[in-house]
Amino acid sequence: MNYSHTDAELVRQPIGYWSWAAYKAVVTRTRAALAGIGTTQPQWWVLAQAAHAGTPKSRDEISRLLRNYLDTGPESMEAEIDATLTNGWTAQTPEGHLTLTPEGRAFYEEAAALQDELWTERHAGISDEEYLTTVKVLQRFIHNTGGQAWHH
């Protein structure tokens, strides 16, 4: 790969710009790929939460957990949950728990396979050690600037 600057120049580059550019590239690619199979990134998050829950989570639990991801917000998250219900991918019990329907399980598997492909694409030429270092450095930047970030 050809880098934008020499190492001496890169070490002086603004992390805010490069972290934003990486965010934009990754999220744009992910959302376009998911749109290609008929879903959104927040809907994928809902399906993944329902698929991986040992015991079904309530709609409220899932909404509270996901609404801060990429600044989605509570109203948008509720609409995305509604879309998974409307699409027949999830069902809501009378107690408010969300579960995958058989159609939802099949669609989740399709979307999960796509996410695996995207992960492989993003990580091409990047070792696990480099990735780990990158995430730790980003977490240090967040900590050093008084920011807060959390991911399950």
N, C-alpha and C. Protein backbone atom coordinates (compact mmCIF):
# COMPACT_ATOMS: atom_id res chain seq x y z
N MET A 1 0.84 -1.18 0.00
CA MET A 1 0.00 0.00 0.00
C MET A 1 0.88 1.24 0.00
N ASN A 2 0.45 2.24 -0.71
CA ASN A 2 1.12 3.53 -0.70
C ASN A 2 0.44 4.41 0.34
N TYR A 3 1.22 4.90 1.29
CA TYR A 3 0.69 5.77 2.32
C TYR A 3 0.72 7.22 1.87
N SER A 4 -0.09 8.04 2.51
CA SER A 4 -0.25 9.44 2.10
C SER A 4 0.98 10.30 2.37
N HIS A 5 1.78 9.89 3.33
CA HIS A 5 2.92 10.70 3.77
C HIS A 5 4.05 9.75 4.19
N THR A 6 5.22 10.31 4.39
CA THR A 6 6.32 9.54 4.95
C THR A 6 6.01 9.24 6.41
N ASP A 7 6.73 8.31 7.01
CA ASP A 7 6.54 8.01 8.43
C ASP A 7 6.74 9.25 9.28
N ALA A 8 7.78 10.03 8.99
CA ALA A 8 8.04 11.25 9.76
C ALA A 8 6.88 12.23 9.65
N GLU A 9 6.24 12.29 8.50
CA GLU A 9 5.09 13.17 8.32
C GLU A 9 3.82 12.58 8.94
N LEU A 10 3.66 11.27 8.82
CA LEU A 10 2.47 10.62 9.37
C LEU A 10 2.37 10.79 10.88
N VAL A 11 3.50 10.74 11.56
CA VAL A 11 3.49 10.85 13.02
C VAL A 11 2.97 12.22 13.47
N ARG A 12 2.93 13.18 12.58
CA ARG A 12 2.45 14.53 12.91
C ARG A 12 1.04 14.79 12.36
N GLN A 13 0.46 13.81 11.73
CA GLN A 13 -0.88 13.96 11.15
C GLN A 13 -1.95 14.02 12.26
N PRO A 14 -3.06 14.71 12.01
CA PRO A 14 -4.11 14.85 13.03
C PRO A 14 -4.95 13.57 13.17
N ILE A 15 -4.98 13.02 14.37
CA ILE A 15 -5.75 11.79 14.62
C ILE A 15 -7.24 12.02 14.41
N GLY A 16 -7.72 13.21 14.72
CA GLY A 16 -9.14 13.50 14.51
C GLY A 16 -9.55 13.31 13.07
N TYR A 17 -8.72 13.79 12.15
CA TYR A 17 -9.03 13.63 10.73
C TYR A 17 -8.99 12.15 10.34
N TRP A 18 -7.91 11.46 10.70
CA TRP A 18 -7.75 10.08 10.23
C TRP A 18 -8.75 9.13 10.89
N SER A 19 -9.12 9.37 12.14
CA SER A 19 -10.13 8.51 12.76
C SER A 19 -11.50 8.78 12.14
N TRP A 20 -11.79 10.04 11.82
CA TRP A 20 -13.04 10.38 11.13
C TRP A 20 -13.07 9.75 9.74
N ALA A 21 -11.97 9.85 9.00
CA ALA A 21 -11.94 9.30 7.64
C ALA A 21 -12.11 7.77 7.67
N ALA A 22 -11.49 7.13 8.66
CA ALA A 22 -11.64 5.67 8.80
C ALA A 22 -13.09 5.33 9.16
N TYR A 23 -13.66 6.05 10.10
CA TYR A 23 -15.06 5.85 10.48
C TYR A 23 -15.97 5.98 9.26
N LYS A 24 -15.80 7.06 8.53
CA LYS A 24 -16.66 7.32 7.39
C LYS A 24 -16.53 6.21 6.34
N ALA A 25 -15.32 5.79 6.06
CA ALA A 25 -15.10 4.74 5.06
C ALA A 25 -15.72 3.41 5.50
N VAL A 26 -15.48 3.03 6.74
CA VAL A 26 -15.97 1.74 7.24
C VAL A 26 -17.50 1.74 7.33
N VAL A 27 -18.08 2.78 7.91
CA VAL A 27 -19.53 2.81 8.09
C VAL A 27 -20.23 2.93 6.74
N THR A 28 -19.71 3.74 5.84
CA THR A 28 -20.31 3.87 4.52
C THR A 28 -20.30 2.54 3.78
N ARG A 29 -19.19 1.83 3.81
CA ARG A 29 -19.08 0.53 3.15
C ARG A 29 -20.03 -0.48 3.78
N THR A 30 -20.06 -0.52 5.11
CA THR A 30 -20.93 -1.46 5.82
C THR A 30 -22.39 -1.19 5.50
N ARG A 31 -22.80 0.05 5.57
CA ARG A 31 -24.20 0.39 5.33
C ARG A 31 -24.61 0.12 3.89
N ALA A 32 -23.73 0.38 2.94
CA ALA A 32 -24.05 0.10 1.54
C ALA A 32 -24.20 -1.40 1.31
N ALA A 33 -23.33 -2.20 1.91
CA ALA A 33 -23.41 -3.65 1.75
C ALA A 33 -24.69 -4.19 2.37
N LEU A 34 -25.04 -3.71 3.56
CA LEU A 34 -26.27 -4.16 4.22
C LEU A 34 -27.51 -3.70 3.43
N ALA A 35 -27.47 -2.49 2.89
CA ALA A 35 -28.59 -2.02 2.06
C ALA A 35 -28.76 -2.93 0.85
N GLY A 36 -27.65 -3.47 0.35
CA GLY A 36 -27.70 -4.37 -0.79
C GLY A 36 -28.48 -5.65 -0.53
N ILE A 37 -28.62 -6.03 0.74
CA ILE A 37 -29.42 -7.21 1.07
C ILE A 37 -30.74 -6.82 1.74
N GLY A 38 -31.02 -5.52 1.77
CA GLY A 38 -32.32 -5.06 2.23
C GLY A 38 -32.46 -4.74 3.70
N THR A 39 -31.36 -4.32 4.33
CA THR A 39 -31.44 -3.96 5.74
C THR A 39 -30.57 -2.76 6.04
N THR A 40 -30.65 -2.30 7.28
CA THR A 40 -29.83 -1.19 7.74
C THR A 40 -28.87 -1.70 8.81
N GLN A 41 -27.87 -0.91 9.10
CA GLN A 41 -26.94 -1.29 10.15
C GLN A 41 -27.64 -1.41 11.51
N PRO A 42 -28.49 -0.46 11.91
CA PRO A 42 -29.19 -0.64 13.19
C PRO A 42 -30.10 -1.87 13.21
N GLN A 43 -30.74 -2.21 12.10
CA GLN A 43 -31.55 -3.42 12.07
C GLN A 43 -30.66 -4.65 12.26
N TRP A 44 -29.47 -4.62 11.67
CA TRP A 44 -28.52 -5.72 11.87
C TRP A 44 -28.18 -5.84 13.36
N TRP A 45 -27.96 -4.71 14.03
CA TRP A 45 -27.65 -4.75 15.45
C TRP A 45 -28.77 -5.42 16.24
N VAL A 46 -30.02 -5.09 15.90
CA VAL A 46 -31.17 -5.68 16.58
C VAL A 46 -31.19 -7.19 16.36
N LEU A 47 -31.01 -7.61 15.11
CA LEU A 47 -31.01 -9.04 14.80
C LEU A 47 -29.89 -9.75 15.55
N ALA A 48 -28.72 -9.15 15.61
CA ALA A 48 -27.59 -9.76 16.31
C ALA A 48 -27.87 -9.88 17.80
N GLN A 49 -28.50 -8.87 18.39
CA GLN A 49 -28.85 -8.94 19.80
C GLN A 49 -29.84 -10.07 20.06
N ALA A 50 -30.84 -10.18 19.21
CA ALA A 50 -31.83 -11.25 19.37
C ALA A 50 -31.20 -12.62 19.12
N ALA A 51 -30.31 -12.70 18.16
CA ALA A 51 -29.70 -13.99 17.81
C ALA A 51 -28.77 -14.50 18.90
N HIS A 52 -28.08 -13.60 19.58
CA HIS A 52 -27.07 -14.00 20.55
C HIS A 52 -27.55 -13.99 22.00
N ALA A 53 -28.80 -13.64 22.21
CA ALA A 53 -29.31 -13.57 23.58
C ALA A 53 -29.51 -14.99 24.13
N GLY A 54 -28.91 -15.26 25.28
CA GLY A 54 -29.13 -16.55 25.93
C GLY A 54 -30.59 -16.70 26.31
N THR A 55 -31.12 -15.65 26.89
CA THR A 55 -32.56 -15.57 27.13
C THR A 55 -33.03 -14.31 26.40
N PRO A 56 -34.24 -14.34 25.85
CA PRO A 56 -34.70 -13.19 25.07
C PRO A 56 -34.61 -11.88 25.84
N LYS A 57 -34.12 -10.86 25.16
CA LYS A 57 -34.03 -9.52 25.74
C LYS A 57 -35.31 -8.77 25.43
N SER A 58 -35.65 -7.87 26.30
CA SER A 58 -36.83 -7.05 26.05
C SER A 58 -36.50 -6.01 24.97
N ARG A 59 -37.54 -5.55 24.35
CA ARG A 59 -37.39 -4.48 23.35
C ARG A 59 -36.68 -3.29 23.98
N ASP A 60 -37.08 -2.94 25.20
CA ASP A 60 -36.48 -1.80 25.89
C ASP A 60 -34.99 -2.03 26.15
N GLU A 61 -34.61 -3.24 26.57
CA GLU A 61 -33.19 -3.55 26.79
C GLU A 61 -32.39 -3.36 25.52
N ILE A 62 -32.90 -3.89 24.42
CA ILE A 62 -32.19 -3.79 23.14
C ILE A 62 -32.11 -2.33 22.70
N SER A 63 -33.20 -1.61 22.82
CA SER A 63 -33.21 -0.21 22.43
C SER A 63 -32.22 0.61 23.26
N ARG A 64 -32.23 0.42 24.58
CA ARG A 64 -31.31 1.15 25.46
C ARG A 64 -29.86 0.83 25.13
N LEU A 65 -29.58 -0.43 24.84
CA LEU A 65 -28.22 -0.85 24.53
C LEU A 65 -27.71 -0.23 23.23
N LEU A 66 -28.56 -0.16 22.21
CA LEU A 66 -28.12 0.21 20.87
C LEU A 66 -28.30 1.69 20.51
N ARG A 67 -29.11 2.42 21.25
CA ARG A 67 -29.44 3.78 20.82
C ARG A 67 -28.25 4.73 20.78
N ASN A 68 -27.20 4.42 21.52
CA ASN A 68 -26.03 5.29 21.50
C ASN A 68 -24.99 4.88 20.47
N TYR A 69 -25.19 3.73 19.83
CA TYR A 69 -24.25 3.32 18.78
C TYR A 69 -24.31 4.31 17.63
N LEU A 70 -23.17 4.86 17.31
CA LEU A 70 -23.05 5.81 16.20
C LEU A 70 -24.12 6.90 16.25
N ASP A 71 -24.47 7.31 17.48
CA ASP A 71 -25.44 8.39 17.70
C ASP A 71 -26.80 8.11 17.05
N THR A 72 -27.24 6.87 17.08
CA THR A 72 -28.51 6.51 16.45
C THR A 72 -29.68 7.23 17.10
N GLY A 73 -29.71 7.29 18.41
CA GLY A 73 -30.79 7.98 19.12
C GLY A 73 -31.97 7.07 19.40
N PRO A 74 -32.74 7.39 20.46
CA PRO A 74 -33.84 6.51 20.86
C PRO A 74 -34.97 6.42 19.84
N GLU A 75 -35.35 7.54 19.22
CA GLU A 75 -36.46 7.50 18.26
C GLU A 75 -36.10 6.66 17.04
N SER A 76 -34.89 6.86 16.53
CA SER A 76 -34.45 6.09 15.37
C SER A 76 -34.33 4.61 15.72
N MET A 77 -33.82 4.31 16.91
CA MET A 77 -33.67 2.91 17.30
C MET A 77 -35.02 2.23 17.40
N GLU A 78 -35.99 2.93 17.96
CA GLU A 78 -37.34 2.37 18.05
C GLU A 78 -37.90 2.09 16.65
N ALA A 79 -37.68 3.00 15.71
CA ALA A 79 -38.15 2.80 14.33
C ALA A 79 -37.44 1.61 13.68
N GLU A 80 -36.17 1.43 13.98
CA GLU A 80 -35.42 0.30 13.42
C GLU A 80 -35.92 -1.02 14.01
N ILE A 81 -36.24 -1.03 15.29
CA ILE A 81 -36.82 -2.23 15.90
C ILE A 81 -38.18 -2.53 15.25
N ASP A 82 -38.98 -1.47 15.07
CA ASP A 82 -40.27 -1.65 14.40
C ASP A 82 -40.09 -2.27 13.02
N ALA A 83 -39.06 -1.83 12.31
CA ALA A 83 -38.82 -2.37 10.96
C ALA A 83 -38.50 -3.86 11.00
N THR A 84 -37.77 -4.30 12.03
CA THR A 84 -37.48 -5.75 12.11
C THR A 84 -38.76 -6.54 12.37
N LEU A 85 -39.68 -5.94 13.10
CA LEU A 85 -40.98 -6.57 13.34
C LEU A 85 -41.81 -6.59 12.05
N THR A 86 -41.88 -5.45 11.37
CA THR A 86 -42.64 -5.32 10.13
C THR A 86 -42.11 -6.27 9.05
N ASN A 87 -40.80 -6.41 8.99
CA ASN A 87 -40.18 -7.30 8.00
C ASN A 87 -40.36 -8.77 8.34
N GLY A 88 -40.88 -9.04 9.53
CA GLY A 88 -41.09 -10.43 9.93
C GLY A 88 -39.84 -11.13 10.41
N TRP A 89 -38.80 -10.36 10.74
CA TRP A 89 -37.54 -10.95 11.20
C TRP A 89 -37.55 -11.19 12.71
N THR A 90 -38.31 -10.36 13.42
CA THR A 90 -38.44 -10.54 14.86
C THR A 90 -39.91 -10.60 15.22
N ALA A 91 -40.15 -11.16 16.39
CA ALA A 91 -41.49 -11.18 16.98
C ALA A 91 -41.35 -10.67 18.40
N GLN A 92 -42.40 -10.04 18.88
CA GLN A 92 -42.39 -9.51 20.24
C GLN A 92 -43.40 -10.29 21.08
N THR A 93 -42.92 -10.82 22.20
CA THR A 93 -43.80 -11.55 23.10
C THR A 93 -44.71 -10.57 23.83
N PRO A 94 -45.78 -11.03 24.44
CA PRO A 94 -46.63 -10.13 25.23
C PRO A 94 -45.86 -9.40 26.34
N GLU A 95 -44.77 -10.03 26.81
CA GLU A 95 -43.94 -9.40 27.85
C GLU A 95 -42.95 -8.39 27.27
N GLY A 96 -42.91 -8.26 25.95
CA GLY A 96 -42.03 -7.29 25.31
C GLY A 96 -40.68 -7.81 24.91
N HIS A 97 -40.47 -9.12 24.95
CA HIS A 97 -39.18 -9.68 24.54
C HIS A 97 -39.15 -9.88 23.03
N LEU A 98 -37.98 -9.63 22.44
CA LEU A 98 -37.81 -9.80 21.00
C LEU A 98 -37.10 -11.12 20.72
N THR A 99 -37.65 -11.86 19.79
CA THR A 99 -37.04 -13.11 19.36
C THR A 99 -36.98 -13.12 17.84
N LEU A 100 -36.06 -13.89 17.31
CA LEU A 100 -35.99 -14.06 15.86
C LEU A 100 -37.07 -15.03 15.41
N THR A 101 -37.70 -14.71 14.31
CA THR A 101 -38.62 -15.64 13.67
C THR A 101 -37.77 -16.60 12.83
N PRO A 102 -38.33 -17.68 12.30
CA PRO A 102 -37.55 -18.52 11.39
C PRO A 102 -37.02 -17.72 10.18
N GLU A 103 -37.84 -16.83 9.65
CA GLU A 103 -37.38 -15.98 8.55
C GLU A 103 -36.26 -15.05 9.02
N GLY A 104 -36.41 -14.56 10.24
CA GLY A 104 -35.39 -13.69 10.81
C GLY A 104 -34.08 -14.42 11.05
N ARG A 105 -34.16 -15.67 11.48
CA ARG A 105 -32.96 -16.48 11.69
C ARG A 105 -32.23 -16.68 10.35
N ALA A 106 -32.98 -16.99 9.30
CA ALA A 106 -32.37 -17.18 7.97
C ALA A 106 -31.75 -15.88 7.48
N PHE A 107 -32.46 -14.76 7.66
CA PHE A 107 -31.93 -13.48 7.22
C PHE A 107 -30.72 -13.09 8.06
N TYR A 108 -30.78 -13.34 9.35
CA TYR A 108 -29.64 -13.06 10.22
C TYR A 108 -28.41 -13.82 9.73
N GLU A 109 -28.56 -15.09 9.39
CA GLU A 109 -27.44 -15.90 8.90
C GLU A 109 -26.85 -15.29 7.62
N GLU A 110 -27.71 -14.82 6.73
CA GLU A 110 -27.25 -14.17 5.50
C GLU A 110 -26.47 -12.90 5.82
N ALA A 111 -27.03 -12.09 6.70
CA ALA A 111 -26.38 -10.83 7.07
C ALA A 111 -25.08 -11.10 7.83
N ALA A 112 -25.06 -12.12 8.67
CA ALA A 112 -23.84 -12.47 9.41
C ALA A 112 -22.74 -12.90 8.45
N ALA A 113 -23.09 -13.65 7.43
CA ALA A 113 -22.10 -14.06 6.42
C ALA A 113 -21.53 -12.83 5.71
N LEU A 114 -22.40 -11.87 5.41
CA LEU A 114 -21.95 -10.63 4.78
C LEU A 114 -21.03 -9.87 5.73
N GLN A 115 -21.39 -9.80 7.00
CA GLN A 115 -20.54 -9.11 7.97
C GLN A 115 -19.17 -9.78 8.07
N ASP A 116 -19.14 -11.10 7.99
CA ASP A 116 -17.85 -11.82 8.00
C ASP A 116 -17.01 -11.43 6.79
N GLU A 117 -17.66 -11.33 5.63
CA GLU A 117 -16.94 -10.91 4.41
C GLU A 117 -16.40 -9.49 4.56
N LEU A 118 -17.20 -8.61 5.12
CA LEU A 118 -16.76 -7.23 5.32
C LEU A 118 -15.60 -7.17 6.32
N TRP A 119 -15.66 -7.98 7.36
CA TRP A 119 -14.57 -8.01 8.34
C TRP A 119 -13.28 -8.43 7.64
N THR A 120 -13.35 -9.46 6.83
CA THR A 120 -12.17 -9.94 6.10
C THR A 120 -11.64 -8.85 5.16
N GLU A 121 -12.54 -8.17 4.48
CA GLU A 121 -12.16 -7.07 3.58
C GLU A 121 -11.44 -5.96 4.35
N ARG A 122 -12.02 -5.56 5.48
CA ARG A 122 -11.43 -4.47 6.28
C ARG A 122 -10.07 -4.84 6.85
N HIS A 123 -9.91 -6.08 7.21
CA HIS A 123 -8.70 -6.51 7.91
C HIS A 123 -7.61 -7.03 6.97
N ALA A 124 -7.82 -6.93 5.67
CA ALA A 124 -6.81 -7.41 4.71
C ALA A 124 -5.48 -6.71 4.97
N GLY A 125 -4.44 -7.50 5.15
CA GLY A 125 -3.10 -6.96 5.36
C GLY A 125 -2.87 -6.39 6.75
N ILE A 126 -3.79 -6.61 7.67
CA ILE A 126 -3.67 -6.09 9.03
C ILE A 126 -3.65 -7.28 9.99
N SER A 127 -2.58 -7.43 10.73
CA SER A 127 -2.47 -8.54 11.67
C SER A 127 -3.35 -8.29 12.89
N ASP A 128 -3.64 -9.36 13.61
CA ASP A 128 -4.39 -9.20 14.86
C ASP A 128 -3.64 -8.29 15.83
N GLU A 129 -2.33 -8.40 15.84
CA GLU A 129 -1.53 -7.55 16.73
C GLU A 129 -1.66 -6.08 16.35
N GLU A 130 -1.61 -5.78 15.06
CA GLU A 130 -1.78 -4.39 14.62
C GLU A 130 -3.18 -3.87 14.95
N TYR A 131 -4.17 -4.71 14.75
CA TYR A 131 -5.54 -4.31 15.06
C TYR A 131 -5.70 -4.03 16.55
N LEU A 132 -5.17 -4.93 17.38
CA LEU A 132 -5.24 -4.75 18.82
C LEU A 132 -4.57 -3.45 19.24
N THR A 133 -3.40 -3.19 18.70
CA THR A 133 -2.69 -1.95 19.01
C THR A 133 -3.52 -0.74 18.59
N THR A 134 -4.12 -0.79 17.42
CA THR A 134 -4.94 0.32 16.93
C THR A 134 -6.10 0.60 17.86
N VAL A 135 -6.82 -0.43 18.25
CA VAL A 135 -7.98 -0.23 19.13
C VAL A 135 -7.53 0.31 20.49
N LYS A 136 -6.44 -0.22 21.02
CA LYS A 136 -5.95 0.28 22.30
C LYS A 136 -5.51 1.74 22.20
N VAL A 137 -4.87 2.11 21.11
CA VAL A 137 -4.45 3.50 20.92
C VAL A 137 -5.67 4.41 20.80
N LEU A 138 -6.68 3.99 20.05
CA LEU A 138 -7.90 4.79 19.94
C LEU A 138 -8.57 4.95 21.30
N GLN A 139 -8.59 3.87 22.09
CA GLN A 139 -9.18 3.97 23.43
C GLN A 139 -8.38 4.94 24.31
N ARG A 140 -7.06 4.95 24.13
CA ARG A 140 -6.26 5.91 24.89
C ARG A 140 -6.56 7.34 24.47
N PHE A 141 -6.73 7.57 23.15
CA PHE A 141 -7.11 8.91 22.68
C PHE A 141 -8.43 9.33 23.32
N ILE A 142 -9.39 8.44 23.35
CA ILE A 142 -10.69 8.75 23.95
C ILE A 142 -10.51 9.09 25.43
N HIS A 143 -9.77 8.26 26.14
CA HIS A 143 -9.51 8.50 27.57
C HIS A 143 -8.78 9.82 27.77
N ASN A 144 -7.72 10.06 27.00
CA ASN A 144 -6.89 11.25 27.17
C ASN A 144 -7.64 12.55 26.90
N THR A 145 -8.70 12.48 26.11
CA THR A 145 -9.46 13.69 25.79
C THR A 145 -10.74 13.81 26.61
N GLY A 146 -10.90 12.92 27.59
CA GLY A 146 -12.07 12.98 28.46
C GLY A 146 -13.34 12.45 27.83
N GLY A 147 -13.19 11.76 26.72
CA GLY A 147 -14.35 11.20 26.05
C GLY A 147 -14.80 9.91 26.70
N GLN A 148 -15.93 9.44 26.24
CA GLN A 148 -16.46 8.17 26.73
C GLN A 148 -16.85 7.34 25.54
N ALA A 149 -16.53 6.07 25.59
CA ALA A 149 -16.93 5.13 24.56
C ALA A 149 -17.16 3.79 25.22
N TRP A 150 -18.09 3.08 24.71
CA TRP A 150 -18.40 1.77 25.25
C TRP A 150 -18.93 0.92 24.13
N HIS A 151 -18.55 -0.31 24.11
CA HIS A 151 -19.10 -1.27 23.16
C HIS A 151 -19.16 -2.59 23.86
N HIS A 152 -20.27 -3.27 23.71
CA HIS A 152 -20.45 -4.56 24.42
C HIS A 152 -19.43 -5.58 23.96
